[in-house]
Amino acid sequence: MAISQSTHIAIQTSGATVHPLITTEQLAQRVAALAREISTDYQGKPLLAVGVLHGAYVFMADLLRQMTTPVRSSFVKVSTYGNRTVSSGNADLHLDLSEPVDGEHVLLVDDLVDTGVTTDWLIKHLQEKAPASVKLCTLLDKSARRRKSVTIDYVGFEIPDRFVVGYGIDYAGRYRELPYIGYVEPPERS
């Protein structure tokens, strides 16, 4: 989906300025469209949505509330950024699924796919658990930074190579509460 000019204004907080990128209204419209598409594709099939903590929790909650097909949910937690603005390139699993997924249709719900390293690792990790299928839904696709090729089945927005925050996505633990997506230019890149 195309990104139009945001009606939100830039804010400065904690040493960084947040510039608007995707409005609250654009998010609501696109999430509703994704929910309809996924509900149609999984009609009559049991679905397990697996959210990637912490960034995807707001997106996943909004997405699942609008789906019209039964869906169970679970979460995994993987980190590659820590307090940096650049991925370390290594996926560290902090929380795995607690229930078996063999024979299940799994929808991996992520906030952002950029390098693809973490996403590729997570998809392979889930496939090792013998599900019926694994598909990927991401709110944001930052393909300019892709290092690993991954198939994204459902995409909210293609975005430019910016460090984004808001709608559950953070920079060093901050900005998750913003109801829109913005980008930051932190004081230093690390």
N, C-alpha and C. Protein backbone atom coordinates (compact mmCIF):
# COMPACT_ATOMS: atom_id res chain seq x y z
N MET A 1 0.84 -1.17 0.00
CA MET A 1 0.00 0.00 0.00
C MET A 1 0.89 1.24 0.00
N ALA A 2 0.50 2.25 -0.72
CA ALA A 2 1.26 3.49 -0.80
C ALA A 2 1.10 4.30 0.49
N ILE A 3 2.14 4.99 0.83
CA ILE A 3 2.14 5.85 2.02
C ILE A 3 1.87 7.27 1.55
N SER A 4 0.88 7.92 2.16
CA SER A 4 0.60 9.31 1.80
C SER A 4 1.13 10.23 2.89
N GLN A 5 1.06 11.50 2.63
CA GLN A 5 1.55 12.48 3.59
C GLN A 5 0.81 12.34 4.92
N SER A 6 1.57 12.26 5.99
CA SER A 6 0.99 12.10 7.32
C SER A 6 0.45 13.42 7.86
N THR A 7 -0.63 13.32 8.63
CA THR A 7 -1.18 14.51 9.28
C THR A 7 -0.59 14.71 10.67
N HIS A 8 0.21 13.73 11.14
CA HIS A 8 0.87 13.87 12.43
C HIS A 8 2.08 14.79 12.27
N ILE A 9 2.46 15.46 13.33
CA ILE A 9 3.60 16.36 13.26
C ILE A 9 4.81 15.70 13.91
N ALA A 10 6.00 16.14 13.52
CA ALA A 10 7.22 15.62 14.11
C ALA A 10 7.26 16.02 15.58
N ILE A 11 7.73 15.10 16.43
CA ILE A 11 7.88 15.40 17.85
C ILE A 11 9.33 15.14 18.24
N GLN A 12 9.82 15.89 19.20
CA GLN A 12 11.17 15.66 19.70
C GLN A 12 11.07 15.20 21.13
N THR A 13 11.71 14.07 21.40
CA THR A 13 11.70 13.51 22.73
C THR A 13 12.92 12.62 22.92
N SER A 14 13.45 12.60 24.10
CA SER A 14 14.57 11.72 24.47
C SER A 14 15.74 11.81 23.51
N GLY A 15 16.02 13.00 23.00
CA GLY A 15 17.18 13.18 22.15
C GLY A 15 16.99 12.82 20.69
N ALA A 16 15.81 12.40 20.30
CA ALA A 16 15.56 12.03 18.91
C ALA A 16 14.27 12.71 18.44
N THR A 17 14.22 13.04 17.16
CA THR A 17 13.02 13.60 16.58
C THR A 17 12.28 12.50 15.84
N VAL A 18 10.97 12.38 16.09
CA VAL A 18 10.14 11.39 15.41
C VAL A 18 9.39 12.11 14.29
N HIS A 19 9.66 11.69 13.07
CA HIS A 19 9.01 12.26 11.89
C HIS A 19 7.88 11.33 11.46
N PRO A 20 6.70 11.83 11.15
CA PRO A 20 5.57 10.96 10.76
C PRO A 20 5.82 10.28 9.42
N LEU A 21 5.35 9.04 9.30
CA LEU A 21 5.48 8.27 8.07
C LEU A 21 4.15 7.65 7.64
N ILE A 22 3.46 6.97 8.56
CA ILE A 22 2.18 6.32 8.25
C ILE A 22 1.18 6.73 9.33
N THR A 23 0.05 7.27 8.93
CA THR A 23 -0.94 7.78 9.88
C THR A 23 -1.72 6.67 10.57
N THR A 24 -2.35 7.03 11.65
CA THR A 24 -3.24 6.13 12.38
C THR A 24 -4.34 5.63 11.46
N GLU A 25 -4.89 6.51 10.65
CA GLU A 25 -5.97 6.15 9.72
C GLU A 25 -5.48 5.17 8.66
N GLN A 26 -4.30 5.41 8.11
CA GLN A 26 -3.74 4.49 7.12
C GLN A 26 -3.50 3.11 7.73
N LEU A 27 -3.00 3.08 8.95
CA LEU A 27 -2.79 1.81 9.64
C LEU A 27 -4.10 1.05 9.80
N ALA A 28 -5.14 1.73 10.27
CA ALA A 28 -6.44 1.08 10.50
C ALA A 28 -7.00 0.51 9.20
N GLN A 29 -6.92 1.27 8.12
CA GLN A 29 -7.44 0.81 6.83
C GLN A 29 -6.68 -0.41 6.32
N ARG A 30 -5.36 -0.36 6.41
CA ARG A 30 -4.55 -1.46 5.87
C ARG A 30 -4.68 -2.72 6.73
N VAL A 31 -4.73 -2.57 8.04
CA VAL A 31 -4.88 -3.73 8.91
C VAL A 31 -6.23 -4.41 8.65
N ALA A 32 -7.28 -3.62 8.45
CA ALA A 32 -8.60 -4.19 8.14
C ALA A 32 -8.56 -4.95 6.82
N ALA A 33 -7.87 -4.42 5.83
CA ALA A 33 -7.77 -5.09 4.53
C ALA A 33 -6.98 -6.40 4.67
N LEU A 34 -5.90 -6.38 5.42
CA LEU A 34 -5.13 -7.61 5.64
C LEU A 34 -5.97 -8.66 6.37
N ALA A 35 -6.74 -8.25 7.37
CA ALA A 35 -7.60 -9.18 8.12
C ALA A 35 -8.61 -9.84 7.20
N ARG A 36 -9.19 -9.05 6.30
CA ARG A 36 -10.16 -9.63 5.33
C ARG A 36 -9.47 -10.64 4.42
N GLU A 37 -8.31 -10.30 3.91
CA GLU A 37 -7.58 -11.19 3.00
C GLU A 37 -7.18 -12.49 3.69
N ILE A 38 -6.64 -12.38 4.87
CA ILE A 38 -6.22 -13.58 5.62
C ILE A 38 -7.42 -14.43 6.00
N SER A 39 -8.49 -13.80 6.43
CA SER A 39 -9.71 -14.54 6.79
C SER A 39 -10.25 -15.32 5.60
N THR A 40 -10.21 -14.72 4.43
CA THR A 40 -10.66 -15.41 3.21
C THR A 40 -9.75 -16.59 2.89
N ASP A 41 -8.45 -16.37 2.98
CA ASP A 41 -7.50 -17.43 2.64
C ASP A 41 -7.56 -18.61 3.61
N TYR A 42 -7.90 -18.37 4.86
CA TYR A 42 -7.91 -19.43 5.87
C TYR A 42 -9.32 -19.86 6.26
N GLN A 43 -10.31 -19.48 5.49
CA GLN A 43 -11.69 -19.87 5.80
C GLN A 43 -11.79 -21.39 5.87
N GLY A 44 -12.31 -21.89 6.98
CA GLY A 44 -12.48 -23.32 7.17
C GLY A 44 -11.22 -24.05 7.60
N LYS A 45 -10.12 -23.34 7.81
CA LYS A 45 -8.87 -23.95 8.25
C LYS A 45 -8.51 -23.43 9.63
N PRO A 46 -8.11 -24.32 10.53
CA PRO A 46 -7.65 -23.83 11.84
C PRO A 46 -6.34 -23.08 11.66
N LEU A 47 -6.21 -21.94 12.32
CA LEU A 47 -5.05 -21.08 12.15
C LEU A 47 -4.44 -20.73 13.50
N LEU A 48 -3.12 -20.78 13.56
CA LEU A 48 -2.38 -20.33 14.72
C LEU A 48 -1.55 -19.13 14.29
N ALA A 49 -1.84 -17.97 14.85
CA ALA A 49 -1.06 -16.77 14.59
C ALA A 49 0.05 -16.69 15.63
N VAL A 50 1.28 -16.54 15.16
CA VAL A 50 2.44 -16.46 16.05
C VAL A 50 3.05 -15.07 15.90
N GLY A 51 2.89 -14.26 16.94
CA GLY A 51 3.41 -12.91 16.92
C GLY A 51 4.84 -12.86 17.41
N VAL A 52 5.61 -11.94 16.82
CA VAL A 52 7.00 -11.75 17.22
C VAL A 52 7.05 -10.58 18.20
N LEU A 53 7.42 -10.91 19.45
CA LEU A 53 7.50 -9.89 20.49
C LEU A 53 8.78 -9.08 20.35
N HIS A 54 8.75 -7.86 20.72
CA HIS A 54 7.66 -7.07 21.26
C HIS A 54 6.99 -6.25 20.16
N GLY A 55 7.68 -6.01 19.10
CA GLY A 55 7.23 -5.07 18.10
C GLY A 55 5.89 -5.35 17.45
N ALA A 56 5.50 -6.63 17.32
CA ALA A 56 4.29 -6.96 16.58
C ALA A 56 3.03 -7.03 17.44
N TYR A 57 3.13 -6.82 18.75
CA TYR A 57 1.96 -7.08 19.60
C TYR A 57 0.78 -6.17 19.29
N VAL A 58 1.00 -4.90 19.00
CA VAL A 58 -0.12 -3.99 18.70
C VAL A 58 -0.74 -4.36 17.36
N PHE A 59 0.10 -4.55 16.36
CA PHE A 59 -0.37 -4.95 15.03
C PHE A 59 -1.15 -6.26 15.10
N MET A 60 -0.60 -7.25 15.78
CA MET A 60 -1.27 -8.55 15.85
C MET A 60 -2.61 -8.44 16.57
N ALA A 61 -2.68 -7.69 17.65
CA ALA A 61 -3.95 -7.54 18.37
C ALA A 61 -5.00 -6.91 17.46
N ASP A 62 -4.65 -5.85 16.77
CA ASP A 62 -5.60 -5.19 15.86
C ASP A 62 -6.00 -6.11 14.72
N LEU A 63 -5.04 -6.85 14.17
CA LEU A 63 -5.30 -7.77 13.06
C LEU A 63 -6.26 -8.88 13.48
N LEU A 64 -5.98 -9.53 14.60
CA LEU A 64 -6.80 -10.67 15.02
C LEU A 64 -8.21 -10.25 15.42
N ARG A 65 -8.36 -9.07 15.99
CA ARG A 65 -9.70 -8.61 16.37
C ARG A 65 -10.59 -8.40 15.15
N GLN A 66 -10.00 -8.21 13.99
CA GLN A 66 -10.80 -7.95 12.79
C GLN A 66 -10.96 -9.19 11.91
N MET A 67 -10.33 -10.29 12.27
CA MET A 67 -10.45 -11.49 11.46
C MET A 67 -11.81 -12.15 11.68
N THR A 68 -12.31 -12.78 10.65
CA THR A 68 -13.63 -13.42 10.72
C THR A 68 -13.54 -14.93 10.73
N THR A 69 -12.35 -15.45 10.82
CA THR A 69 -12.16 -16.90 10.90
C THR A 69 -11.53 -17.20 12.26
N PRO A 70 -11.82 -18.36 12.84
CA PRO A 70 -11.23 -18.68 14.14
C PRO A 70 -9.71 -18.70 14.08
N VAL A 71 -9.09 -18.14 15.08
CA VAL A 71 -7.63 -18.09 15.13
C VAL A 71 -7.18 -18.18 16.58
N ARG A 72 -6.18 -19.01 16.81
CA ARG A 72 -5.53 -19.05 18.11
C ARG A 72 -4.27 -18.21 18.01
N SER A 73 -3.70 -17.83 19.13
CA SER A 73 -2.51 -17.00 19.07
C SER A 73 -1.46 -17.45 20.07
N SER A 74 -0.22 -17.17 19.72
CA SER A 74 0.91 -17.43 20.59
C SER A 74 1.99 -16.42 20.22
N PHE A 75 3.09 -16.46 20.94
CA PHE A 75 4.17 -15.50 20.69
C PHE A 75 5.53 -16.17 20.78
N VAL A 76 6.47 -15.58 20.06
CA VAL A 76 7.88 -15.91 20.19
C VAL A 76 8.60 -14.59 20.43
N LYS A 77 9.78 -14.68 21.01
CA LYS A 77 10.57 -13.46 21.21
C LYS A 77 11.98 -13.72 20.71
N VAL A 78 12.37 -12.92 19.75
CA VAL A 78 13.69 -13.02 19.14
C VAL A 78 14.26 -11.62 19.08
N SER A 79 15.54 -11.47 19.34
CA SER A 79 16.13 -10.14 19.23
C SER A 79 17.37 -10.15 18.35
N THR A 80 17.53 -9.07 17.61
CA THR A 80 18.75 -8.86 16.83
C THR A 80 19.23 -7.42 16.96
N TYR A 81 18.38 -6.54 17.51
CA TYR A 81 18.73 -5.12 17.59
C TYR A 81 19.23 -4.69 18.96
N GLY A 82 18.60 -5.16 20.03
CA GLY A 82 18.93 -4.66 21.36
C GLY A 82 18.66 -3.16 21.40
N ASN A 83 19.61 -2.37 21.83
CA ASN A 83 19.46 -0.91 21.86
C ASN A 83 20.14 -0.24 20.68
N ARG A 84 20.46 -1.02 19.65
CA ARG A 84 21.12 -0.47 18.47
C ARG A 84 20.10 -0.11 17.40
N THR A 85 20.52 0.67 16.42
CA THR A 85 19.66 0.98 15.28
C THR A 85 20.01 0.12 14.08
N VAL A 86 20.99 -0.76 14.24
CA VAL A 86 21.41 -1.67 13.18
C VAL A 86 21.38 -3.09 13.75
N SER A 87 20.84 -4.02 12.97
CA SER A 87 20.77 -5.41 13.41
C SER A 87 22.16 -6.00 13.60
N SER A 88 22.30 -6.84 14.63
CA SER A 88 23.57 -7.53 14.86
C SER A 88 23.77 -8.64 13.83
N GLY A 89 22.69 -9.08 13.19
CA GLY A 89 22.78 -10.17 12.22
C GLY A 89 22.64 -11.54 12.85
N ASN A 90 22.52 -11.59 14.18
CA ASN A 90 22.37 -12.85 14.89
C ASN A 90 21.01 -12.89 15.58
N ALA A 91 20.27 -13.98 15.38
CA ALA A 91 18.97 -14.13 16.01
C ALA A 91 19.13 -14.84 17.34
N ASP A 92 18.67 -14.21 18.41
CA ASP A 92 18.69 -14.79 19.74
C ASP A 92 17.26 -15.08 20.16
N LEU A 93 16.92 -16.38 20.34
CA LEU A 93 15.58 -16.78 20.75
C LEU A 93 15.46 -16.66 22.26
N HIS A 94 14.53 -15.81 22.72
CA HIS A 94 14.32 -15.60 24.15
C HIS A 94 13.05 -16.29 24.65
N LEU A 95 12.07 -16.51 23.75
CA LEU A 95 10.81 -17.16 24.12
C LEU A 95 10.34 -17.97 22.92
N ASP A 96 10.12 -19.26 23.13
CA ASP A 96 9.66 -20.13 22.05
C ASP A 96 8.19 -20.49 22.30
N LEU A 97 7.57 -21.10 21.31
CA LEU A 97 6.20 -21.56 21.46
C LEU A 97 6.12 -22.62 22.55
N SER A 98 5.05 -22.58 23.32
CA SER A 98 4.91 -23.55 24.40
C SER A 98 4.02 -24.73 24.00
N GLU A 99 3.33 -24.62 22.86
CA GLU A 99 2.48 -25.71 22.42
C GLU A 99 2.97 -26.27 21.08
N PRO A 100 2.65 -27.54 20.80
CA PRO A 100 3.07 -28.11 19.52
C PRO A 100 2.30 -27.47 18.35
N VAL A 101 2.95 -27.39 17.20
CA VAL A 101 2.29 -26.82 16.02
C VAL A 101 2.23 -27.82 14.87
N ASP A 102 2.61 -29.08 15.13
CA ASP A 102 2.59 -30.06 14.05
C ASP A 102 1.18 -30.20 13.49
N GLY A 103 1.09 -30.09 12.16
CA GLY A 103 -0.19 -30.18 11.47
C GLY A 103 -1.00 -28.91 11.46
N GLU A 104 -0.52 -27.85 12.11
CA GLU A 104 -1.24 -26.56 12.18
C GLU A 104 -0.86 -25.66 11.00
N HIS A 105 -1.80 -24.81 10.61
CA HIS A 105 -1.49 -23.72 9.69
C HIS A 105 -1.00 -22.56 10.55
N VAL A 106 0.24 -22.12 10.32
CA VAL A 106 0.86 -21.09 11.14
C VAL A 106 1.01 -19.81 10.33
N LEU A 107 0.58 -18.71 10.93
CA LEU A 107 0.77 -17.38 10.34
C LEU A 107 1.73 -16.63 11.24
N LEU A 108 2.94 -16.40 10.77
CA LEU A 108 3.93 -15.63 11.52
C LEU A 108 3.61 -14.16 11.31
N VAL A 109 3.37 -13.45 12.40
CA VAL A 109 2.99 -12.03 12.35
C VAL A 109 4.14 -11.21 12.91
N ASP A 110 4.73 -10.38 12.05
CA ASP A 110 5.88 -9.57 12.45
C ASP A 110 5.61 -8.10 12.20
N ASP A 111 6.34 -7.26 12.89
CA ASP A 111 6.18 -5.82 12.70
C ASP A 111 6.93 -5.32 11.48
N LEU A 112 8.13 -5.88 11.23
CA LEU A 112 9.01 -5.34 10.22
C LEU A 112 9.94 -6.41 9.68
N VAL A 113 10.05 -6.48 8.37
CA VAL A 113 11.07 -7.33 7.76
C VAL A 113 12.04 -6.38 7.07
N ASP A 114 13.30 -6.39 7.53
CA ASP A 114 14.29 -5.55 6.87
C ASP A 114 15.40 -6.42 6.29
N THR A 115 16.39 -6.83 7.05
CA THR A 115 17.46 -7.65 6.49
C THR A 115 16.98 -9.04 6.09
N GLY A 116 15.93 -9.51 6.75
CA GLY A 116 15.41 -10.85 6.48
C GLY A 116 16.11 -11.93 7.28
N VAL A 117 17.18 -11.60 7.98
CA VAL A 117 17.96 -12.59 8.72
C VAL A 117 17.12 -13.23 9.82
N THR A 118 16.50 -12.42 10.66
CA THR A 118 15.68 -12.94 11.75
C THR A 118 14.46 -13.68 11.21
N THR A 119 13.83 -13.11 10.21
CA THR A 119 12.62 -13.72 9.64
C THR A 119 12.94 -15.07 9.04
N ASP A 120 14.03 -15.16 8.27
CA ASP A 120 14.44 -16.43 7.67
C ASP A 120 14.69 -17.46 8.76
N TRP A 121 15.38 -17.05 9.82
CA TRP A 121 15.66 -17.96 10.92
C TRP A 121 14.37 -18.43 11.58
N LEU A 122 13.44 -17.51 11.82
CA LEU A 122 12.18 -17.86 12.48
C LEU A 122 11.34 -18.81 11.63
N ILE A 123 11.26 -18.56 10.34
CA ILE A 123 10.49 -19.44 9.45
C ILE A 123 11.07 -20.85 9.49
N LYS A 124 12.38 -20.97 9.39
CA LYS A 124 13.02 -22.29 9.45
C LYS A 124 12.78 -22.95 10.81
N HIS A 125 12.85 -22.17 11.87
CA HIS A 125 12.59 -22.68 13.22
C HIS A 125 11.17 -23.24 13.33
N LEU A 126 10.20 -22.50 12.80
CA LEU A 126 8.81 -22.97 12.83
C LEU A 126 8.61 -24.20 11.93
N GLN A 127 9.24 -24.22 10.76
CA GLN A 127 9.10 -25.36 9.86
C GLN A 127 9.65 -26.64 10.46
N GLU A 128 10.64 -26.53 11.33
CA GLU A 128 11.18 -27.71 12.01
C GLU A 128 10.15 -28.35 12.93
N LYS A 129 9.10 -27.64 13.28
CA LYS A 129 8.07 -28.14 14.18
C LYS A 129 6.94 -28.85 13.42
N ALA A 130 7.10 -29.07 12.12
CA ALA A 130 6.19 -29.83 11.26
C ALA A 130 4.77 -29.27 11.17
N PRO A 131 4.62 -27.98 10.92
CA PRO A 131 3.26 -27.44 10.72
C PRO A 131 2.73 -27.82 9.33
N ALA A 132 1.43 -27.68 9.14
CA ALA A 132 0.85 -27.92 7.81
C ALA A 132 1.35 -26.86 6.82
N SER A 133 1.50 -25.62 7.30
CA SER A 133 2.02 -24.53 6.47
C SER A 133 2.52 -23.41 7.37
N VAL A 134 3.41 -22.60 6.81
CA VAL A 134 3.88 -21.39 7.48
C VAL A 134 3.82 -20.27 6.46
N LYS A 135 3.07 -19.22 6.80
CA LYS A 135 3.02 -18.02 5.96
C LYS A 135 3.42 -16.84 6.83
N LEU A 136 3.86 -15.78 6.16
CA LEU A 136 4.37 -14.61 6.84
C LEU A 136 3.52 -13.39 6.54
N CYS A 137 3.14 -12.68 7.59
CA CYS A 137 2.43 -11.41 7.49
C CYS A 137 3.27 -10.37 8.22
N THR A 138 3.64 -9.31 7.53
CA THR A 138 4.40 -8.25 8.17
C THR A 138 3.72 -6.91 7.95
N LEU A 139 3.74 -6.09 8.96
CA LEU A 139 3.18 -4.75 8.82
C LEU A 139 4.03 -3.92 7.88
N LEU A 140 5.36 -4.00 8.03
CA LEU A 140 6.27 -3.15 7.26
C LEU A 140 7.33 -4.00 6.56
N ASP A 141 7.59 -3.64 5.31
CA ASP A 141 8.63 -4.30 4.53
C ASP A 141 9.65 -3.25 4.10
N LYS A 142 10.88 -3.40 4.62
CA LYS A 142 11.97 -2.48 4.28
C LYS A 142 12.95 -3.27 3.41
N SER A 143 12.58 -3.49 2.15
CA SER A 143 13.35 -4.37 1.27
C SER A 143 14.72 -3.81 0.89
N ALA A 144 14.95 -2.52 1.05
CA ALA A 144 16.24 -1.92 0.71
C ALA A 144 17.38 -2.52 1.54
N ARG A 145 17.06 -3.07 2.69
CA ARG A 145 18.09 -3.61 3.58
C ARG A 145 18.17 -5.14 3.53
N ARG A 146 17.47 -5.78 2.61
CA ARG A 146 17.37 -7.23 2.58
C ARG A 146 18.73 -7.90 2.32
N ARG A 147 19.07 -8.83 3.22
CA ARG A 147 20.28 -9.65 3.05
C ARG A 147 19.92 -11.12 2.83
N LYS A 148 18.75 -11.52 3.34
CA LYS A 148 18.25 -12.89 3.16
C LYS A 148 16.92 -12.80 2.43
N SER A 149 16.75 -13.60 1.40
CA SER A 149 15.50 -13.60 0.65
C SER A 149 14.43 -14.35 1.45
N VAL A 150 13.30 -13.70 1.68
CA VAL A 150 12.17 -14.33 2.36
C VAL A 150 10.90 -14.02 1.58
N THR A 151 9.98 -14.96 1.59
CA THR A 151 8.69 -14.76 0.94
C THR A 151 7.74 -14.15 1.97
N ILE A 152 7.21 -12.98 1.63
CA ILE A 152 6.23 -12.32 2.49
C ILE A 152 4.87 -12.49 1.83
N ASP A 153 3.98 -13.19 2.52
CA ASP A 153 2.67 -13.49 1.95
C ASP A 153 1.68 -12.35 2.09
N TYR A 154 1.79 -11.58 3.15
CA TYR A 154 0.88 -10.45 3.41
C TYR A 154 1.71 -9.27 3.89
N VAL A 155 1.65 -8.16 3.17
CA VAL A 155 2.44 -6.97 3.49
C VAL A 155 1.52 -5.79 3.75
N GLY A 156 1.77 -5.11 4.85
CA GLY A 156 1.02 -3.89 5.14
C GLY A 156 1.50 -2.73 4.30
N PHE A 157 2.77 -2.36 4.46
CA PHE A 157 3.34 -1.20 3.76
C PHE A 157 4.79 -1.47 3.38
N GLU A 158 5.18 -1.05 2.21
CA GLU A 158 6.60 -0.97 1.82
C GLU A 158 7.09 0.36 2.34
N ILE A 159 8.25 0.35 3.01
CA ILE A 159 8.76 1.61 3.57
C ILE A 159 10.19 1.85 3.11
N PRO A 160 10.61 3.12 3.15
CA PRO A 160 12.00 3.44 2.81
C PRO A 160 12.95 3.01 3.93
N ASP A 161 14.22 3.10 3.67
CA ASP A 161 15.24 2.70 4.63
C ASP A 161 15.38 3.75 5.73
N ARG A 162 14.46 3.70 6.67
CA ARG A 162 14.44 4.58 7.84
C ARG A 162 14.29 3.72 9.08
N PHE A 163 14.74 4.22 10.23
CA PHE A 163 14.55 3.50 11.49
C PHE A 163 13.20 3.92 12.06
N VAL A 164 12.21 3.00 12.00
CA VAL A 164 10.83 3.34 12.34
C VAL A 164 10.48 3.01 13.78
N VAL A 165 9.49 3.76 14.29
CA VAL A 165 8.99 3.57 15.65
C VAL A 165 7.49 3.80 15.66
N GLY A 166 6.86 3.42 16.75
CA GLY A 166 5.42 3.63 16.94
C GLY A 166 4.62 2.39 16.62
N TYR A 167 3.37 2.38 17.07
CA TYR A 167 2.45 1.26 16.82
C TYR A 167 3.07 -0.05 17.30
N GLY A 168 3.74 0.01 18.46
CA GLY A 168 4.36 -1.17 19.06
C GLY A 168 5.84 -1.30 18.78
N ILE A 169 6.36 -0.56 17.83
CA ILE A 169 7.77 -0.66 17.45
C ILE A 169 8.57 0.37 18.24
N ASP A 170 9.76 -0.04 18.72
CA ASP A 170 10.50 0.85 19.61
C ASP A 170 11.89 1.20 19.09
N TYR A 171 12.46 2.18 19.72
CA TYR A 171 13.89 2.48 19.64
C TYR A 171 14.37 2.53 21.08
N ALA A 172 15.22 1.56 21.47
CA ALA A 172 15.76 1.48 22.83
C ALA A 172 14.65 1.50 23.88
N GLY A 173 13.55 0.80 23.60
CA GLY A 173 12.45 0.69 24.55
C GLY A 173 11.46 1.84 24.55
N ARG A 174 11.66 2.84 23.71
CA ARG A 174 10.78 4.01 23.67
C ARG A 174 9.93 4.04 22.40
N TYR A 175 8.86 4.81 22.45
CA TYR A 175 7.99 5.15 21.30
C TYR A 175 6.96 4.07 20.93
N ARG A 176 6.88 2.95 21.64
CA ARG A 176 5.89 1.93 21.29
C ARG A 176 4.46 2.46 21.37
N GLU A 177 4.23 3.46 22.23
CA GLU A 177 2.89 3.97 22.48
C GLU A 177 2.34 4.87 21.39
N LEU A 178 3.17 5.30 20.46
CA LEU A 178 2.67 6.18 19.39
C LEU A 178 1.61 5.47 18.56
N PRO A 179 0.49 6.12 18.26
CA PRO A 179 -0.58 5.45 17.50
C PRO A 179 -0.35 5.45 15.99
N TYR A 180 0.79 5.93 15.56
CA TYR A 180 1.15 5.98 14.15
C TYR A 180 2.58 5.47 13.99
N ILE A 181 3.04 5.32 12.74
CA ILE A 181 4.42 4.94 12.47
C ILE A 181 5.20 6.20 12.09
N GLY A 182 6.30 6.39 12.76
CA GLY A 182 7.20 7.49 12.42
C GLY A 182 8.60 6.94 12.27
N TYR A 183 9.52 7.81 11.93
CA TYR A 183 10.92 7.39 11.87
C TYR A 183 11.75 8.36 12.69
N VAL A 184 12.84 7.83 13.22
CA VAL A 184 13.71 8.64 14.06
C VAL A 184 15.07 8.78 13.40
N GLU A 185 15.69 9.89 13.71
CA GLU A 185 17.07 10.11 13.37
C GLU A 185 17.79 10.29 14.71
N PRO A 186 18.22 9.18 15.29
CA PRO A 186 18.81 9.25 16.62
C PRO A 186 20.11 10.06 16.60
N PRO A 187 20.54 10.52 17.78
CA PRO A 187 21.74 11.33 17.87
C PRO A 187 22.97 10.65 17.25
N GLU A 188 23.07 9.32 17.39
CA GLU A 188 24.19 8.60 16.80
C GLU A 188 23.70 7.30 16.24
N ARG A 189 24.32 6.80 15.20
CA ARG A 189 24.01 5.49 14.63
C ARG A 189 25.01 4.51 15.22
N SER A 190 24.50 3.39 15.76
CA SER A 190 25.42 2.40 16.33
C SER A 190 25.11 1.02 15.82
